[in-house]
Amino acid sequence: MQPRNMSMSGVVDLAAVKAAQEAKAKAEQARAEAARQGGGPGAVSPADLVIDVDEAGFERDVLQRSTEVPVVIDFWAEWCEPCKQLSPVLEQLVLEYNGRLLLAKIDVDANQMLMQQFGVQGIPAVFAVVAGQALPLFQGAAGKEQIQQTLDQLVQVAEQRFGLTGLAVDPDAGPGAAPQPAAVPAGPYDALLEAAVSALDAGDFGGAVQAYKNVLSDDPGNSEAKLGLAQAELLQRVQSLDPQRTRKEAAEKPGDAQAQIAAADLDLVGGHVEDAFGRLIDTVRRTAGDERDTVRLRLLELFEVVGADDPRVSAARRALSRALF
């Protein structure tokens, strides 16, 4: 079988430049926060670059890791003879990229839902996930040179558009070696954070946004500033909304991304967290292209407002993954 979709040109056209920049910023923030918590990308073993993934671990092992490194997905099965030819080539190439790629192997017999979510029509099939975005690479067996050209382009796109430079690899590290925590920038942020809170209390949402941004410009992983910024930006957005008109437009235009985004902001400010998340997840299902990515990014911003530890955020993340894939 001849491989299909070997060109990476479709990757470049998947999102507008603005959306790519926002995804890059989200990926950078996720990496910084992980580093602050001692779980950032550090030296890993070469054995950690090729992993088996199932439905239960997909969000952790693929979606979350894709904010650190491009994840190549190999859909395979034990009975598939072309898979037995392709998989070793992919594994060898990924090791040669020395941490700039991660390979996730998914057995379709044991993970039918993932196969359906990616729209896999036949195996072997190879996809990539970069900063949470799924990209089809090719289907069918292919030669090493063709695959390497595709992976070269994937690495280039991931680095230039999303700032993903990959993982550090230590050949002497054992599998599953704990990464070394990155140094946490320190700074006199108390005054800036107090200024932001004072601005919020005074209704000066623009001033609060700027104060939080001043902290994050020096310390991108500052969790207090990230949460405060998300809240201040939300309050700034809803300040100019007419609630009655906004909800009327959302009810009349269920497929209008901007109308649903504005209504979701109002939902969240009013304390209707699950309604806000559900509204945007439904809109993700109804939209495509740039509109869909805009809705997805707003949903991620609302996750920041509520907080990653909230069980409603965890449930919504799973629902978003199902809607996207």
Protein backbone atom coordinates (compact mmCIF):
# COMPACT_ATOMS: atom_id res chain seq x y z
CA MET A 1 0.00 0.00 0.00
CA GLN A 2 1.33 3.43 -0.88
CA PRO A 3 1.43 5.93 1.96
CA ARG A 4 -1.05 8.79 1.87
CA ASN A 5 -0.74 12.34 3.20
CA MET A 6 3.04 12.27 3.46
CA SER A 7 3.23 16.05 2.99
CA MET A 8 3.16 18.22 6.08
CA SER A 9 1.62 21.15 4.17
CA GLY A 10 -1.73 20.42 5.81
CA VAL A 11 -0.20 20.97 9.22
CA VAL A 12 0.82 24.50 8.37
CA ASP A 13 -2.73 25.30 7.23
CA LEU A 14 -4.57 23.81 10.20
CA ALA A 15 -4.77 27.02 12.20
CA ALA A 16 -4.32 30.71 11.72
CA VAL A 17 -1.10 32.33 12.85
CA LYS A 18 -2.88 33.95 15.81
CA ALA A 19 -4.22 30.61 17.00
CA ALA A 20 -0.78 29.06 16.69
CA GLN A 21 0.76 31.85 18.75
CA GLU A 22 -1.87 31.35 21.45
CA ALA A 23 -1.28 27.59 21.46
CA LYS A 24 2.45 28.25 21.72
CA ALA A 25 1.88 30.52 24.71
CA LYS A 26 -0.31 27.88 26.39
CA ALA A 27 2.37 25.24 25.80
CA GLU A 28 5.05 27.49 27.27
CA GLN A 29 2.92 28.19 30.35
CA ALA A 30 2.22 24.48 30.81
CA ARG A 31 5.94 23.68 30.65
CA ALA A 32 6.80 26.47 33.08
CA GLU A 33 4.15 25.36 35.57
CA ALA A 34 5.29 21.74 35.34
CA ALA A 35 8.86 22.86 36.00
CA ARG A 36 7.77 24.83 39.07
CA GLN A 37 6.08 21.73 40.46
CA GLY A 38 9.15 19.58 39.89
CA GLY A 39 7.60 17.70 36.97
CA GLY A 40 9.00 19.62 34.05
CA PRO A 41 10.90 18.03 31.18
CA GLY A 42 14.33 16.91 32.36
CA ALA A 43 16.75 14.19 31.37
CA VAL A 44 14.92 11.05 30.29
CA SER A 45 16.10 7.65 29.20
CA PRO A 46 16.03 6.72 25.49
CA ALA A 47 13.65 3.93 26.53
CA ASP A 48 11.15 6.60 27.65
CA LEU A 49 10.88 7.96 24.11
CA VAL A 50 8.81 4.98 22.90
CA ILE A 51 5.75 4.23 25.04
CA ASP A 52 2.61 2.10 24.91
CA VAL A 53 -0.54 4.18 25.39
CA ASP A 54 -4.13 3.17 26.17
CA GLU A 55 -7.40 5.06 26.48
CA ALA A 56 -7.00 5.59 30.23
CA GLY A 57 -3.59 7.22 29.86
CA PHE A 58 -4.15 9.09 26.60
CA GLU A 59 -4.71 12.52 28.13
CA ARG A 60 -1.67 12.23 30.41
CA ASP A 61 0.72 10.45 28.05
CA VAL A 62 -0.23 12.15 24.77
CA LEU A 63 -2.22 15.36 25.21
CA GLN A 64 -0.28 16.68 28.19
CA ARG A 65 3.10 15.54 26.89
CA SER A 66 2.38 17.26 23.56
CA THR A 67 2.92 20.60 25.32
CA GLU A 68 6.57 19.52 25.83
CA VAL A 69 7.38 17.50 22.73
CA PRO A 70 5.62 16.47 19.48
CA VAL A 71 4.00 13.07 20.02
CA VAL A 72 3.90 10.69 17.04
CA ILE A 73 1.12 8.09 17.29
CA ASP A 74 1.50 4.64 15.72
CA PHE A 75 -1.84 2.80 15.41
CA TRP A 76 -1.03 -0.91 15.06
CA ALA A 77 -2.27 -4.44 15.77
CA GLU A 78 -0.56 -7.78 16.34
CA TRP A 79 -2.20 -9.33 13.24
CA CYS A 80 -1.15 -6.45 10.94
CA GLU A 81 1.88 -7.49 8.86
CA PRO A 82 2.61 -3.98 7.45
CA CYS A 83 2.59 -2.73 11.05
CA LYS A 84 5.39 -5.13 11.88
CA GLN A 85 7.46 -3.54 9.11
CA LEU A 86 6.62 0.06 9.95
CA SER A 87 6.81 0.09 13.76
CA PRO A 88 10.53 -0.77 14.06
CA VAL A 89 11.36 1.96 11.53
CA LEU A 90 9.39 4.52 13.51
CA GLU A 91 11.00 3.43 16.77
CA GLN A 92 14.49 3.67 15.29
CA LEU A 93 13.85 7.11 13.81
CA VAL A 94 12.36 8.51 17.00
CA LEU A 95 15.45 7.41 18.92
CA GLU A 96 17.63 9.11 16.31
CA TYR A 97 15.80 12.40 16.93
CA ASN A 98 17.21 12.21 20.47
CA GLY A 99 14.29 13.67 22.39
CA ARG A 100 12.79 15.94 19.75
CA LEU A 101 9.96 13.43 19.25
CA LEU A 102 8.04 10.97 21.42
CA LEU A 103 6.44 7.82 19.95
CA ALA A 104 3.13 6.57 21.38
CA LYS A 105 2.11 3.09 20.24
CA ILE A 106 -1.63 2.33 20.35
CA ASP A 107 -2.96 -1.21 19.87
CA VAL A 108 -6.25 -0.70 18.01
CA ASP A 109 -7.71 -4.01 19.18
CA ALA A 110 -7.47 -2.88 22.80
CA ASN A 111 -8.31 0.80 22.16
CA GLN A 112 -11.20 0.91 19.71
CA MET A 113 -12.47 4.26 21.01
CA LEU A 114 -9.19 6.03 20.22
CA MET A 115 -9.18 4.48 16.77
CA GLN A 116 -12.68 5.85 16.14
CA GLN A 117 -11.91 9.27 17.57
CA PHE A 118 -8.98 9.70 15.21
CA GLY A 119 -11.02 8.43 12.27
CA VAL A 120 -8.56 5.63 11.49
CA GLN A 121 -9.78 3.76 8.41
CA GLY A 122 -6.98 1.22 8.21
CA ILE A 123 -3.65 0.37 9.80
CA PRO A 124 -0.84 1.09 10.05
CA ALA A 125 -1.85 4.73 10.51
CA VAL A 126 0.39 7.46 11.87
CA PHE A 127 -0.72 10.73 13.45
CA ALA A 128 0.94 13.42 15.54
CA VAL A 129 -0.28 15.61 18.39
CA VAL A 130 1.43 18.99 18.80
CA ALA A 131 0.39 21.36 21.61
CA GLY A 132 -2.91 19.49 21.84
CA GLN A 133 -3.62 19.61 18.10
CA ALA A 134 -4.02 16.33 16.19
CA LEU A 135 -2.34 16.11 12.78
CA PRO A 136 -2.69 13.23 10.30
CA LEU A 137 0.69 12.15 8.91
CA PHE A 138 0.22 9.07 6.73
CA GLN A 139 -1.47 5.70 6.39
CA GLY A 140 0.13 2.50 5.20
CA ALA A 141 3.71 1.28 5.06
CA ALA A 142 6.39 3.74 3.94
CA GLY A 143 10.10 3.85 3.38
CA LYS A 144 12.48 5.21 5.99
CA GLU A 145 13.51 8.17 3.84
CA GLN A 146 9.90 9.26 3.25
CA ILE A 147 9.06 8.93 6.93
CA GLN A 148 12.15 10.88 7.94
CA GLN A 149 11.21 13.76 5.61
CA THR A 150 7.77 13.90 7.23
CA LEU A 151 9.22 13.82 10.74
CA ASP A 152 11.75 16.52 9.84
CA GLN A 153 8.88 18.79 8.83
CA LEU A 154 6.92 17.88 11.97
CA VAL A 155 9.87 18.84 14.20
CA GLN A 156 10.31 22.11 12.28
CA VAL A 157 6.63 23.05 12.57
CA ALA A 158 6.55 22.15 16.27
CA GLU A 159 9.60 24.27 17.03
CA GLN A 160 8.81 27.30 14.86
CA ARG A 161 5.08 27.57 15.52
CA PHE A 162 4.74 26.18 19.03
CA GLY A 163 8.18 26.56 20.59
CA LEU A 164 8.51 22.81 21.30
CA THR A 165 12.20 21.94 21.43
CA GLY A 166 11.76 18.46 22.89
CA LEU A 167 13.19 16.58 25.87
CA ALA A 168 16.73 16.26 27.16
CA VAL A 169 17.95 12.68 26.84
CA ASP A 170 20.49 11.08 29.16
CA PRO A 171 21.74 7.78 27.71
CA ASP A 172 22.79 6.69 31.20
CA ALA A 173 19.37 7.34 32.75
CA GLY A 174 17.18 4.36 33.48
CA PRO A 175 13.63 4.04 32.09
CA GLY A 176 11.21 6.25 33.93
CA ALA A 177 13.99 8.33 35.50
CA ALA A 178 12.64 11.27 37.41
CA PRO A 179 13.39 14.56 35.65
CA GLN A 180 15.45 17.14 37.48
CA PRO A 181 13.31 20.09 38.53
CA ALA A 182 14.11 23.36 36.79
CA ALA A 183 15.25 26.36 38.74
CA VAL A 184 12.32 28.45 39.91
CA PRO A 185 12.75 32.15 39.23
CA ALA A 186 12.44 34.25 42.34
CA GLY A 187 11.42 37.86 42.50
CA PRO A 188 9.82 40.53 44.66
CA TYR A 189 6.30 39.93 43.36
CA ASP A 190 4.29 40.67 46.52
CA ALA A 191 3.87 44.35 45.70
CA LEU A 192 2.76 43.62 42.14
CA LEU A 193 0.30 40.97 43.25
CA GLU A 194 -1.12 43.26 45.92
CA ALA A 195 -1.51 46.00 43.30
CA ALA A 196 -3.40 43.59 41.07
CA VAL A 197 -5.78 42.60 43.88
CA SER A 198 -6.36 46.25 44.76
CA ALA A 199 -7.16 47.00 41.12
CA LEU A 200 -9.64 44.11 41.03
CA ASP A 201 -11.34 45.35 44.19
CA ALA A 202 -11.61 48.83 42.66
CA GLY A 203 -13.11 47.47 39.44
CA ASP A 204 -10.01 48.45 37.44
CA PHE A 205 -9.82 45.19 35.53
CA GLY A 206 -7.43 46.57 32.91
CA GLY A 207 -5.01 47.62 35.64
CA ALA A 208 -5.25 44.20 37.26
CA VAL A 209 -4.58 42.48 33.94
CA GLN A 210 -1.45 44.57 33.41
CA ALA A 211 -0.19 43.97 36.95
CA TYR A 212 -0.52 40.21 36.58
CA LYS A 213 1.15 40.32 33.17
CA ASN A 214 4.07 42.19 34.70
CA VAL A 215 4.62 39.29 37.09
CA LEU A 216 4.26 36.66 34.38
CA SER A 217 6.67 38.42 32.04
CA ASP A 218 9.41 37.68 34.58
CA ASP A 219 8.01 34.46 36.06
CA PRO A 220 5.77 32.69 33.48
CA GLY A 221 4.99 29.86 35.89
CA ASN A 222 3.71 31.98 38.77
CA SER A 223 0.49 30.15 39.61
CA GLU A 224 -1.06 33.01 41.61
CA ALA A 225 -0.51 35.46 38.75
CA LYS A 226 -1.82 32.99 36.17
CA LEU A 227 -5.03 32.44 38.10
CA GLY A 228 -5.43 36.14 38.79
CA LEU A 229 -4.85 37.06 35.15
CA ALA A 230 -7.44 34.56 33.95
CA GLN A 231 -9.99 35.94 36.41
CA ALA A 232 -9.21 39.57 35.62
CA GLU A 233 -9.47 39.01 31.87
CA LEU A 234 -12.81 37.25 32.33
CA LEU A 235 -14.21 40.12 34.40
CA GLN A 236 -12.89 42.62 31.86
CA ARG A 237 -14.66 40.79 29.02
CA VAL A 238 -18.06 40.54 30.70
CA GLN A 239 -17.96 44.13 31.93
CA SER A 240 -19.14 45.40 28.54
CA LEU A 241 -21.71 42.68 27.86
CA ASP A 242 -25.48 43.12 27.97
CA PRO A 243 -26.50 39.86 29.70
CA GLN A 244 -30.03 39.73 28.26
CA ARG A 245 -28.90 40.44 24.73
CA THR A 246 -25.93 38.06 24.99
CA ARG A 247 -28.08 35.14 26.15
CA LYS A 248 -30.72 35.88 23.51
CA GLU A 249 -28.11 35.77 20.73
CA ALA A 250 -26.64 32.55 22.10
CA ALA A 251 -30.08 30.90 22.17
CA GLU A 252 -30.88 32.03 18.62
CA LYS A 253 -27.45 31.14 17.19
CA PRO A 254 -26.27 27.80 18.62
CA GLY A 255 -23.61 27.49 15.92
CA ASP A 256 -22.18 30.99 16.36
CA ALA A 257 -18.84 30.59 18.12
CA GLN A 258 -18.56 34.17 19.36
CA ALA A 259 -22.13 34.18 20.70
CA GLN A 260 -21.49 30.98 22.64
CA ILE A 261 -18.14 32.21 23.96
CA ALA A 262 -19.74 35.39 25.32
CA ALA A 263 -22.57 33.41 26.95
CA ALA A 264 -20.07 30.98 28.48
CA ASP A 265 -18.21 33.91 30.06
CA LEU A 266 -21.48 35.05 31.63
CA ASP A 267 -22.23 31.50 32.79
CA LEU A 268 -18.91 31.29 34.59
CA VAL A 269 -19.15 34.71 36.24
CA GLY A 270 -22.62 33.71 37.44
CA GLY A 271 -21.23 30.56 39.04
CA HIS A 272 -22.66 28.15 36.45
CA VAL A 273 -19.36 26.39 35.83
CA GLU A 274 -20.64 23.18 34.27
CA ASP A 275 -23.03 25.13 32.01
CA ALA A 276 -20.12 27.25 30.74
CA PHE A 277 -17.93 24.20 30.05
CA GLY A 278 -20.77 22.22 28.46
CA ARG A 279 -21.73 25.13 26.20
CA LEU A 280 -18.22 25.45 24.79
CA ILE A 281 -17.68 21.69 24.41
CA ASP A 282 -20.94 21.49 22.43
CA THR A 283 -19.71 24.40 20.30
CA VAL A 284 -16.41 22.59 19.65
CA ARG A 285 -18.46 19.70 18.25
CA ARG A 286 -20.45 22.03 15.97
CA THR A 287 -17.56 24.08 14.58
CA ALA A 288 -14.40 23.45 12.59
CA GLY A 289 -11.13 25.10 11.63
CA ASP A 290 -10.22 28.46 13.14
CA GLU A 291 -13.61 28.85 14.85
CA ARG A 292 -13.22 25.53 16.60
CA ASP A 293 -9.73 26.41 17.76
CA THR A 294 -10.92 29.78 19.08
CA VAL A 295 -13.60 28.04 21.16
CA ARG A 296 -11.09 25.46 22.42
CA LEU A 297 -8.66 28.16 23.52
CA ARG A 298 -11.38 30.07 25.39
CA LEU A 299 -12.38 26.85 27.16
CA LEU A 300 -8.77 26.34 28.26
CA GLU A 301 -8.77 29.91 29.60
CA LEU A 302 -11.90 29.18 31.62
CA PHE A 303 -10.20 26.06 33.01
CA GLU A 304 -7.50 28.43 34.32
CA VAL A 305 -10.15 30.55 36.05
CA VAL A 306 -11.67 27.59 37.89
CA GLY A 307 -8.38 25.82 38.63
CA ALA A 308 -6.82 22.58 37.44
CA ASP A 309 -7.60 20.73 40.69
CA ASP A 310 -11.37 21.24 40.39
CA PRO A 311 -13.10 17.95 39.45
CA ARG A 312 -15.35 19.84 37.04
CA VAL A 313 -12.26 20.85 35.08
CA SER A 314 -11.00 17.26 34.96
CA ALA A 315 -14.38 16.04 33.68
CA ALA A 316 -14.55 18.82 31.10
CA ARG A 317 -11.01 18.05 29.87
CA ARG A 318 -12.05 14.46 29.21
CA ALA A 319 -15.19 15.64 27.40
CA LEU A 320 -13.10 18.07 25.33
CA SER A 321 -10.71 15.28 24.33
CA ARG A 322 -13.67 13.19 23.12
CA ALA A 323 -15.08 16.16 21.20
CA LEU A 324 -11.74 16.88 19.52
CA PHE A 325 -10.68 13.35 18.69
